[in-house]
Amino acid sequence: IIKTYPAGVKATPDDATKIAPFIVSEEGGGGSTDVGDISWLVPTVGLGTATWVPGTSAHTWQAVAAGGMSIGQKGMMVAAKTMTLTAMDIFNNPSVTG
């Protein structure tokens, strides 16, 4: 898939093994979801996992194709396990929610 990227996109398969630093941002990013409406009423959190080949742009055939590949399936499992274990922590110790 990386071979199909437009010129100038710098990505390698090794980029999938890198973990981005945790950053708290007080500024909004591009794009939107309906979670903003919910966050006015209850605390919310976001989670991102690698489900695309590094360098993939959203809304491309490469992004769709990755969903049927091992990177998409492995990323989905990481997200599912993370959400499940987080829910278990909250249910077993409600004080973690502040």
PDB file of N, CA and C in Angstrom:
ATOM      1  N   ILE A   1       0.833  -1.195   0.000  1.00  0.00           N
ATOM      2  CA  ILE A   1       0.000   0.000   0.000  1.00  0.00           C
ATOM      3  C   ILE A   1       0.869   1.248   0.000  1.00  0.00           C
ATOM      4  N   ILE A   2       1.975   1.236   0.747  1.00  0.00           N
ATOM      5  CA  ILE A   2       2.842   2.420   0.792  1.00  0.00           C
ATOM      6  C   ILE A   2       3.312   2.798  -0.615  1.00  0.00           C
ATOM      7  N   LYS A   3       3.529   1.809  -1.472  1.00  0.00           N
ATOM      8  CA  LYS A   3       3.978   2.084  -2.846  1.00  0.00           C
ATOM      9  C   LYS A   3       2.945   2.865  -3.649  1.00  0.00           C
ATOM     10  N   THR A   4       1.691   2.849  -3.231  1.00  0.00           N
ATOM     11  CA  THR A   4       0.633   3.543  -3.973  1.00  0.00           C
ATOM     12  C   THR A   4       0.423   4.986  -3.521  1.00  0.00           C
ATOM     13  N   TYR A   5       1.129   5.429  -2.482  1.00  0.00           N
ATOM     14  CA  TYR A   5       0.945   6.791  -1.963  1.00  0.00           C
ATOM     15  C   TYR A   5       1.462   7.822  -2.947  1.00  0.00           C
ATOM     16  N   PRO A   6       0.896   9.019  -2.921  1.00  0.00           N
ATOM     17  CA  PRO A   6       1.389  10.099  -3.775  1.00  0.00           C
ATOM     18  C   PRO A   6       2.826  10.460  -3.421  1.00  0.00           C
ATOM     19  N   ALA A   7       3.521  11.042  -4.367  1.00  0.00           N
ATOM     20  CA  ALA A   7       4.897  11.485  -4.129  1.00  0.00           C
ATOM     21  C   ALA A   7       4.926  12.450  -2.945  1.00  0.00           C
ATOM     22  N   GLY A   8       5.935  12.341  -2.144  1.00  0.00           N
ATOM     23  CA  GLY A   8       6.096  13.246  -1.012  1.00  0.00           C
ATOM     24  C   GLY A   8       5.632  12.676   0.315  1.00  0.00           C
ATOM     25  N   VAL A   9       4.833  11.605   0.306  1.00  0.00           N
ATOM     26  CA  VAL A   9       4.394  10.984   1.556  1.00  0.00           C
ATOM     27  C   VAL A   9       5.526  10.102   2.047  1.00  0.00           C
ATOM     28  N   LYS A  10       6.039  10.433   3.217  1.00  0.00           N
ATOM     29  CA  LYS A  10       7.157   9.678   3.779  1.00  0.00           C
ATOM     30  C   LYS A  10       6.624   8.761   4.871  1.00  0.00           C
ATOM     31  N   ALA A  11       6.616   7.473   4.609  1.00  0.00           N
ATOM     32  CA  ALA A  11       6.132   6.501   5.579  1.00  0.00           C
ATOM     33  C   ALA A  11       6.863   5.190   5.357  1.00  0.00           C
ATOM     34  N   THR A  12       7.085   4.471   6.450  1.00  0.00           N
ATOM     35  CA  THR A  12       7.691   3.150   6.370  1.00  0.00           C
ATOM     36  C   THR A  12       6.863   2.195   7.228  1.00  0.00           C
ATOM     37  N   PRO A  13       6.939   0.903   6.966  1.00  0.00           N
ATOM     38  CA  PRO A  13       6.221  -0.055   7.810  1.00  0.00           C
ATOM     39  C   PRO A  13       6.631   0.034   9.281  1.00  0.00           C
ATOM     40  N   ASP A  14       7.877   0.418   9.550  1.00  0.00           N
ATOM     41  CA  ASP A  14       8.341   0.547  10.938  1.00  0.00           C
ATOM     42  C   ASP A  14       7.601   1.639  11.704  1.00  0.00           C
ATOM     43  N   ASP A  15       7.004   2.590  10.990  1.00  0.00           N
ATOM     44  CA  ASP A  15       6.258   3.655  11.660  1.00  0.00           C
ATOM     45  C   ASP A  15       5.085   3.098  12.467  1.00  0.00           C
ATOM     46  N   ALA A  16       4.585   1.920  12.104  1.00  0.00           N
ATOM     47  CA  ALA A  16       3.452   1.312  12.816  1.00  0.00           C
ATOM     48  C   ALA A  16       3.842   0.860  14.218  1.00  0.00           C
ATOM     49  N   THR A  17       5.127   0.702  14.467  1.00  0.00           N
ATOM     50  CA  THR A  17       5.585   0.239  15.787  1.00  0.00           C
ATOM     51  C   THR A  17       5.836   1.387  16.753  1.00  0.00           C
ATOM     52  N   LYS A  18       5.749   2.611  16.275  1.00  0.00           N
ATOM     53  CA  LYS A  18       6.037   3.776  17.115  1.00  0.00           C
ATOM     54  C   LYS A  18       4.809   4.195  17.903  1.00  0.00           C
ATOM     55  N   ILE A  19       5.016   4.576  19.140  1.00  0.00           N
ATOM     56  CA  ILE A  19       3.932   5.058  19.988  1.00  0.00           C
ATOM     57  C   ILE A  19       4.063   6.564  20.120  1.00  0.00           C
ATOM     58  N   ALA A  20       3.021   7.265  19.765  1.00  0.00           N
ATOM     59  CA  ALA A  20       3.034   8.724  19.865  1.00  0.00           C
ATOM     60  C   ALA A  20       2.947   9.132  21.330  1.00  0.00           C
ATOM     61  N   PRO A  21       3.565  10.234  21.689  1.00  0.00           N
ATOM     62  CA  PRO A  21       3.483  10.688  23.085  1.00  0.00           C
ATOM     63  C   PRO A  21       2.069  11.127  23.448  1.00  0.00           C
ATOM     64  N   PHE A  22       1.715  10.976  24.719  1.00  0.00           N
ATOM     65  CA  PHE A  22       0.414  11.431  25.215  1.00  0.00           C
ATOM     66  C   PHE A  22       0.433  12.944  25.289  1.00  0.00           C
ATOM     67  N   ILE A  23      -0.525  13.571  24.655  1.00  0.00           N
ATOM     68  CA  ILE A  23      -0.583  15.034  24.622  1.00  0.00           C
ATOM     69  C   ILE A  23      -1.999  15.474  24.991  1.00  0.00           C
ATOM     70  N   VAL A  24      -2.099  16.402  25.934  1.00  0.00           N
ATOM     71  CA  VAL A  24      -3.380  17.020  26.269  1.00  0.00           C
ATOM     72  C   VAL A  24      -3.425  18.349  25.537  1.00  0.00           C
ATOM     73  N   SER A  25      -4.435  18.535  24.716  1.00  0.00           N
ATOM     74  CA  SER A  25      -4.547  19.746  23.925  1.00  0.00           C
ATOM     75  C   SER A  25      -5.802  20.506  24.320  1.00  0.00           C
ATOM     76  N   GLU A  26      -5.656  21.787  24.533  1.00  0.00           N
ATOM     77  CA  GLU A  26      -6.799  22.635  24.857  1.00  0.00           C
ATOM     78  C   GLU A  26      -7.437  23.195  23.594  1.00  0.00           C
ATOM     79  N   GLU A  27      -6.851  22.879  22.434  1.00  0.00           N
ATOM     80  CA  GLU A  27      -7.365  23.372  21.170  1.00  0.00           C
ATOM     81  C   GLU A  27      -8.031  22.229  20.412  1.00  0.00           C
ATOM     82  N   GLY A  28      -9.063  22.542  19.680  1.00  0.00           N
ATOM     83  CA  GLY A  28      -9.727  21.531  18.870  1.00  0.00           C
ATOM     84  C   GLY A  28      -8.917  21.203  17.636  1.00  0.00           C
ATOM     85  N   GLY A  29      -9.172  20.024  17.097  1.00  0.00           N
ATOM     86  CA  GLY A  29      -8.499  19.614  15.881  1.00  0.00           C
ATOM     87  C   GLY A  29      -9.444  19.692  14.701  1.00  0.00           C
ATOM     88  N   GLY A  30      -8.983  19.227  13.568  1.00  0.00           N
ATOM     89  CA  GLY A  30      -9.826  19.205  12.389  1.00  0.00           C
ATOM     90  C   GLY A  30     -10.854  18.094  12.477  1.00  0.00           C
ATOM     91  N   GLY A  31     -11.921  18.236  11.757  1.00  0.00           N
ATOM     92  CA  GLY A  31     -12.972  17.226  11.770  1.00  0.00           C
ATOM     93  C   GLY A  31     -13.884  17.406  12.972  1.00  0.00           C
ATOM     94  N   SER A  32     -14.922  16.594  13.009  1.00  0.00           N
ATOM     95  CA  SER A  32     -15.846  16.705  14.131  1.00  0.00           C
ATOM     96  C   SER A  32     -16.607  15.402  14.319  1.00  0.00           C
ATOM     97  N   THR A  33     -17.172  15.248  15.499  1.00  0.00           N
ATOM     98  CA  THR A  33     -18.056  14.127  15.802  1.00  0.00           C
ATOM     99  C   THR A  33     -19.164  14.647  16.703  1.00  0.00           C
ATOM    100  N   ASP A  34     -20.134  13.820  16.987  1.00  0.00           N
ATOM    101  CA  ASP A  34     -21.216  14.204  17.894  1.00  0.00           C
ATOM    102  C   ASP A  34     -20.815  14.073  19.353  1.00  0.00           C
ATOM    103  N   VAL A  35     -19.597  13.602  19.621  1.00  0.00           N
ATOM    104  CA  VAL A  35     -19.186  13.409  21.010  1.00  0.00           C
ATOM    105  C   VAL A  35     -19.128  14.744  21.749  1.00  0.00           C
ATOM    106  N   GLY A  36     -18.980  15.831  21.044  1.00  0.00           N
ATOM    107  CA  GLY A  36     -18.969  17.144  21.688  1.00  0.00           C
ATOM    108  C   GLY A  36     -20.256  17.424  22.444  1.00  0.00           C
ATOM    109  N   ASP A  37     -21.376  16.989  21.874  1.00  0.00           N
ATOM    110  CA  ASP A  37     -22.663  17.173  22.547  1.00  0.00           C
ATOM    111  C   ASP A  37     -22.715  16.370  23.848  1.00  0.00           C
ATOM    112  N   ILE A  38     -22.191  15.162  23.815  1.00  0.00           N
ATOM    113  CA  ILE A  38     -22.196  14.286  24.988  1.00  0.00           C
ATOM    114  C   ILE A  38     -21.241  14.811  26.066  1.00  0.00           C
ATOM    115  N   SER A  39     -20.102  15.354  25.636  1.00  0.00           N
ATOM    116  CA  SER A  39     -19.094  15.789  26.610  1.00  0.00           C
ATOM    117  C   SER A  39     -19.573  16.958  27.473  1.00  0.00           C
ATOM    118  N   TRP A  40     -20.656  17.617  27.087  1.00  0.00           N
ATOM    119  CA  TRP A  40     -21.223  18.670  27.932  1.00  0.00           C
ATOM    120  C   TRP A  40     -21.912  18.072  29.161  1.00  0.00           C
ATOM    121  N   LEU A  41     -22.300  16.800  29.053  1.00  0.00           N
ATOM    122  CA  LEU A  41     -23.060  16.159  30.119  1.00  0.00           C
ATOM    123  C   LEU A  41     -22.252  15.167  30.944  1.00  0.00           C
ATOM    124  N   VAL A  42     -21.336  14.467  30.316  1.00  0.00           N
ATOM    125  CA  VAL A  42     -20.543  13.443  31.011  1.00  0.00           C
ATOM    126  C   VAL A  42     -19.095  13.518  30.544  1.00  0.00           C
ATOM    127  N   PRO A  43     -18.163  13.100  31.392  1.00  0.00           N
ATOM    128  CA  PRO A  43     -16.756  13.080  30.966  1.00  0.00           C
ATOM    129  C   PRO A  43     -16.581  12.132  29.780  1.00  0.00           C
ATOM    130  N   THR A  44     -15.723  12.490  28.869  1.00  0.00           N
ATOM    131  CA  THR A  44     -15.472  11.650  27.702  1.00  0.00           C
ATOM    132  C   THR A  44     -13.967  11.462  27.525  1.00  0.00           C
ATOM    133  N   VAL A  45     -13.617  10.481  26.754  1.00  0.00           N
ATOM    134  CA  VAL A  45     -12.220  10.200  26.437  1.00  0.00           C
ATOM    135  C   VAL A  45     -12.165   9.669  25.013  1.00  0.00           C
ATOM    136  N   GLY A  46     -11.052   9.889  24.362  1.00  0.00           N
ATOM    137  CA  GLY A  46     -10.868   9.381  23.005  1.00  0.00           C
ATOM    138  C   GLY A  46      -9.736   8.366  22.974  1.00  0.00           C
ATOM    139  N   LEU A  47      -9.784   7.463  22.015  1.00  0.00           N
ATOM    140  CA  LEU A  47      -8.768   6.436  21.848  1.00  0.00           C
ATOM    141  C   LEU A  47      -8.449   6.304  20.372  1.00  0.00           C
ATOM    142  N   GLY A  48      -7.199   6.264  20.052  1.00  0.00           N
ATOM    143  CA  GLY A  48      -6.785   6.028  18.677  1.00  0.00           C
ATOM    144  C   GLY A  48      -5.832   4.846  18.622  1.00  0.00           C
ATOM    145  N   THR A  49      -6.052   3.944  17.685  1.00  0.00           N
ATOM    146  CA  THR A  49      -5.148   2.817  17.486  1.00  0.00           C
ATOM    147  C   THR A  49      -4.778   2.744  16.011  1.00  0.00           C
ATOM    148  N   ALA A  50      -3.651   2.125  15.728  1.00  0.00           N
ATOM    149  CA  ALA A  50      -3.184   2.000  14.346  1.00  0.00           C
ATOM    150  C   ALA A  50      -3.987   0.923  13.636  1.00  0.00           C
ATOM    151  N   THR A  51      -4.818   1.317  12.685  1.00  0.00           N
ATOM    152  CA  THR A  51      -5.587   0.360  11.889  1.00  0.00           C
ATOM    153  C   THR A  51      -5.323   0.551  10.399  1.00  0.00           C
ATOM    154  N   TRP A  52      -4.469   1.474  10.060  1.00  0.00           N
ATOM    155  CA  TRP A  52      -4.085   1.726   8.677  1.00  0.00           C
ATOM    156  C   TRP A  52      -2.575   1.606   8.554  1.00  0.00           C
ATOM    157  N   VAL A  53      -2.123   1.406   7.344  1.00  0.00           N
ATOM    158  CA  VAL A  53      -0.701   1.423   7.058  1.00  0.00           C
ATOM    159  C   VAL A  53      -0.208   2.859   7.302  1.00  0.00           C
ATOM    160  N   PRO A  54       0.954   3.029   7.947  1.00  0.00           N
ATOM    161  CA  PRO A  54       1.446   4.391   8.212  1.00  0.00           C
ATOM    162  C   PRO A  54       1.450   5.251   6.953  1.00  0.00           C
ATOM    163  N   GLY A  55       0.985   6.490   7.101  1.00  0.00           N
ATOM    164  CA  GLY A  55       0.937   7.433   5.996  1.00  0.00           C
ATOM    165  C   GLY A  55      -0.373   7.444   5.231  1.00  0.00           C
ATOM    166  N   THR A  56      -1.305   6.547   5.565  1.00  0.00           N
ATOM    167  CA  THR A  56      -2.575   6.462   4.856  1.00  0.00           C
ATOM    168  C   THR A  56      -3.438   7.680   5.159  1.00  0.00           C
ATOM    169  N   SER A  57      -4.009   8.251   4.134  1.00  0.00           N
ATOM    170  CA  SER A  57      -4.946   9.362   4.305  1.00  0.00           C
ATOM    171  C   SER A  57      -6.350   8.801   4.529  1.00  0.00           C
ATOM    172  N   ALA A  58      -7.138   9.531   5.321  1.00  0.00           N
ATOM    173  CA  ALA A  58      -8.519   9.120   5.545  1.00  0.00           C
ATOM    174  C   ALA A  58      -9.305   9.215   4.234  1.00  0.00           C
ATOM    175  N   HIS A  59     -10.373   8.452   4.138  1.00  0.00           N
ATOM    176  CA  HIS A  59     -11.288   8.500   3.003  1.00  0.00           C
ATOM    177  C   HIS A  59     -10.611   8.117   1.685  1.00  0.00           C
ATOM    178  N   THR A  60      -9.694   7.138   1.738  1.00  0.00           N
ATOM    179  CA  THR A  60      -9.030   6.647   0.531  1.00  0.00           C
ATOM    180  C   THR A  60      -9.254   5.150   0.410  1.00  0.00           C
ATOM    181  N   TRP A  61      -9.006   4.601  -0.762  1.00  0.00           N
ATOM    182  CA  TRP A  61      -9.157   3.162  -0.945  1.00  0.00           C
ATOM    183  C   TRP A  61      -8.145   2.413  -0.082  1.00  0.00           C
ATOM    184  N   GLN A  62      -6.980   3.035   0.171  1.00  0.00           N
ATOM    185  CA  GLN A  62      -5.976   2.392   1.018  1.00  0.00           C
ATOM    186  C   GLN A  62      -6.499   2.205   2.440  1.00  0.00           C
ATOM    187  N   ALA A  63      -7.228   3.199   2.949  1.00  0.00           N
ATOM    188  CA  ALA A  63      -7.797   3.098   4.295  1.00  0.00           C
ATOM    189  C   ALA A  63      -8.839   1.980   4.347  1.00  0.00           C
ATOM    190  N   VAL A  64      -9.660   1.891   3.315  1.00  0.00           N
ATOM    191  CA  VAL A  64     -10.677   0.834   3.264  1.00  0.00           C
ATOM    192  C   VAL A  64     -10.013  -0.535   3.179  1.00  0.00           C
ATOM    193  N   ALA A  65      -9.004  -0.668   2.335  1.00  0.00           N
ATOM    194  CA  ALA A  65      -8.330  -1.948   2.151  1.00  0.00           C
ATOM    195  C   ALA A  65      -7.671  -2.430   3.440  1.00  0.00           C
ATOM    196  N   ALA A  66      -7.144  -1.512   4.235  1.00  0.00           N
ATOM    197  CA  ALA A  66      -6.463  -1.891   5.479  1.00  0.00           C
ATOM    198  C   ALA A  66      -7.419  -2.559   6.461  1.00  0.00           C
ATOM    199  N   GLY A  67      -8.704  -2.256   6.374  1.00  0.00           N
ATOM    200  CA  GLY A  67      -9.680  -2.876   7.268  1.00  0.00           C
ATOM    201  C   GLY A  67      -9.751  -4.384   7.110  1.00  0.00           C
ATOM    202  N   GLY A  68      -9.439  -4.885   5.934  1.00  0.00           N
ATOM    203  CA  GLY A  68      -9.455  -6.324   5.691  1.00  0.00           C
ATOM    204  C   GLY A  68      -8.101  -6.975   5.834  1.00  0.00           C
ATOM    205  N   MET A  69      -7.110  -6.198   6.231  1.00  0.00           N
ATOM    206  CA  MET A  69      -5.751  -6.723   6.392  1.00  0.00           C
ATOM    207  C   MET A  69      -5.442  -6.918   7.872  1.00  0.00           C
ATOM    208  N   SER A  70      -4.321  -7.534   8.138  1.00  0.00           N
ATOM    209  CA  SER A  70      -3.959  -7.813   9.535  1.00  0.00           C
ATOM    210  C   SER A  70      -3.794  -6.536  10.361  1.00  0.00           C
ATOM    211  N   ILE A  71      -3.311  -5.433   9.770  1.00  0.00           N
ATOM    212  CA  ILE A  71      -3.134  -4.205  10.561  1.00  0.00           C
ATOM    213  C   ILE A  71      -4.487  -3.685  11.047  1.00  0.00           C
ATOM    214  N   GLY A  72      -5.511  -3.789  10.209  1.00  0.00           N
ATOM    215  CA  GLY A  72      -6.847  -3.351  10.619  1.00  0.00           C
ATOM    216  C   GLY A  72      -7.422  -4.236  11.701  1.00  0.00           C
ATOM    217  N   GLN A  73      -7.256  -5.536  11.530  1.00  0.00           N
ATOM    218  CA  GLN A  73      -7.791  -6.484  12.509  1.00  0.00           C
ATOM    219  C   GLN A  73      -7.049  -6.400  13.841  1.00  0.00           C
ATOM    220  N   LYS A  74      -5.729  -6.281  13.796  1.00  0.00           N
ATOM    221  CA  LYS A  74      -4.948  -6.166  15.035  1.00  0.00           C
ATOM    222  C   LYS A  74      -5.253  -4.859  15.758  1.00  0.00           C
ATOM    223  N   GLY A  75      -5.380  -3.770  15.019  1.00  0.00           N
ATOM    224  CA  GLY A  75      -5.707  -2.489  15.634  1.00  0.00           C
ATOM    225  C   GLY A  75      -7.067  -2.504  16.291  1.00  0.00           C
ATOM    226  N   MET A  76      -8.028  -3.189  15.639  1.00  0.00           N
ATOM    227  CA  MET A  76      -9.369  -3.311  16.216  1.00  0.00           C
ATOM    228  C   MET A  76      -9.324  -4.084  17.524  1.00  0.00           C
ATOM    229  N   MET A  77      -8.522  -5.135  17.572  1.00  0.00           N
ATOM    230  CA  MET A  77      -8.410  -5.934  18.794  1.00  0.00           C
ATOM    231  C   MET A  77      -7.747  -5.133  19.920  1.00  0.00           C
ATOM    232  N   VAL A  78      -6.744  -4.326  19.581  1.00  0.00           N
ATOM    233  CA  VAL A  78      -6.113  -3.468  20.594  1.00  0.00           C
ATOM    234  C   VAL A  78      -7.145  -2.502  21.161  1.00  0.00           C
ATOM    235  N   ALA A  79      -7.944  -1.885  20.293  1.00  0.00           N
ATOM    236  CA  ALA A  79      -8.972  -0.942  20.747  1.00  0.00           C
ATOM    237  C   ALA A  79     -10.008  -1.654  21.610  1.00  0.00           C
ATOM    238  N   ALA A  80     -10.473  -2.826  21.175  1.00  0.00           N
ATOM    239  CA  ALA A  80     -11.494  -3.559  21.929  1.00  0.00           C
ATOM    240  C   ALA A  80     -10.978  -3.970  23.310  1.00  0.00           C
ATOM    241  N   LYS A  81      -9.764  -4.462  23.371  1.00  0.00           N
ATOM    242  CA  LYS A  81      -9.186  -4.877  24.658  1.00  0.00           C
ATOM    243  C   LYS A  81      -8.980  -3.673  25.576  1.00  0.00           C
ATOM    244  N   THR A  82      -8.524  -2.562  25.008  1.00  0.00           N
ATOM    245  CA  THR A  82      -8.298  -1.356  25.813  1.00  0.00           C
ATOM    246  C   THR A  82      -9.604  -0.843  26.403  1.00  0.00           C
ATOM    247  N   MET A  83     -10.661  -0.784  25.584  1.00  0.00           N
ATOM    248  CA  MET A  83     -11.956  -0.319  26.090  1.00  0.00           C
ATOM    249  C   MET A  83     -12.528  -1.281  27.130  1.00  0.00           C
ATOM    250  N   THR A  84     -12.369  -2.572  26.901  1.00  0.00           N
ATOM    251  CA  THR A  84     -12.882  -3.573  27.850  1.00  0.00           C
ATOM    252  C   THR A  84     -12.165  -3.480  29.188  1.00  0.00           C
ATOM    253  N   LEU A  85     -10.840  -3.417  29.154  1.00  0.00           N
ATOM    254  CA  LEU A  85     -10.075  -3.344  30.407  1.00  0.00           C
ATOM    255  C   LEU A  85     -10.336  -2.029  31.141  1.00  0.00           C
ATOM    256  N   THR A  86     -10.539  -0.937  30.393  1.00  0.00           N
ATOM    257  CA  THR A  86     -10.868   0.345  31.018  1.00  0.00           C
ATOM    258  C   THR A  86     -12.220   0.261  31.713  1.00  0.00           C
ATOM    259  N   ALA A  87     -13.203  -0.330  31.045  1.00  0.00           N
ATOM    260  CA  ALA A  87     -14.534  -0.493  31.653  1.00  0.00           C
ATOM    261  C   ALA A  87     -14.447  -1.363  32.906  1.00  0.00           C
ATOM    262  N   MET A  88     -13.651  -2.419  32.843  1.00  0.00           N
ATOM    263  CA  MET A  88     -13.493  -3.284  34.023  1.00  0.00           C
ATOM    264  C   MET A  88     -12.891  -2.503  35.187  1.00  0.00           C
ATOM    265  N   ASP A  89     -11.896  -1.660  34.904  1.00  0.00           N
ATOM    266  CA  ASP A  89     -11.295  -0.836  35.962  1.00  0.00           C
ATOM    267  C   ASP A  89     -12.335   0.090  36.588  1.00  0.00           C
ATOM    268  N   ILE A  90     -13.162   0.704  35.758  1.00  0.00           N
ATOM    269  CA  ILE A  90     -14.179   1.635  36.263  1.00  0.00           C
ATOM    270  C   ILE A  90     -15.231   0.899  37.092  1.00  0.00           C
ATOM    271  N   PHE A  91     -15.699  -0.244  36.600  1.00  0.00           N
ATOM    272  CA  PHE A  91     -16.711  -1.010  37.335  1.00  0.00           C
ATOM    273  C   PHE A  91     -16.178  -1.538  38.658  1.00  0.00           C
ATOM    274  N   ASN A  92     -14.900  -1.944  38.666  1.00  0.00           N
ATOM    275  CA  ASN A  92     -14.316  -2.499  39.891  1.00  0.00           C
ATOM    276  C   ASN A  92     -13.846  -1.447  40.868  1.00  0.00           C
ATOM    277  N   ASN A  93     -13.618  -0.234  40.372  1.00  0.00           N
ATOM    278  CA  ASN A  93     -13.134   0.837  41.229  1.00  0.00           C
ATOM    279  C   ASN A  93     -13.677   2.170  40.702  1.00  0.00           C
ATOM    280  N   PRO A  94     -14.926   2.499  41.011  1.00  0.00           N
ATOM    281  CA  PRO A  94     -15.548   3.722  40.478  1.00  0.00           C
ATOM    282  C   PRO A  94     -14.789   5.001  40.833  1.00  0.00           C
ATOM    283  N   SER A  95     -13.946   4.956  41.841  1.00  0.00           N
ATOM    284  CA  SER A  95     -13.219   6.179  42.234  1.00  0.00           C
ATOM    285  C   SER A  95     -12.213   6.606  41.168  1.00  0.00           C
ATOM    286  N   VAL A  96     -11.855   5.732  40.230  1.00  0.00           N
ATOM    287  CA  VAL A  96     -10.887   6.125  39.202  1.00  0.00           C
ATOM    288  C   VAL A  96     -11.449   7.177  38.265  1.00  0.00           C
ATOM    289  N   THR A  97     -12.762   7.374  38.254  1.00  0.00           N
ATOM    290  CA  THR A  97     -13.359   8.369  37.380  1.00  0.00           C
ATOM    291  C   THR A  97     -13.338   9.760  38.010  1.00  0.00           C
ATOM    292  N   GLY A  98     -12.857   9.853  39.207  1.00  0.00           N
ATOM    293  CA  GLY A  98     -12.733  11.167  39.845  1.00  0.00           C
ATOM    294  C   GLY A  98     -13.958  11.535  40.527  1.00  0.00           C
TER     295      GLY A  98
END
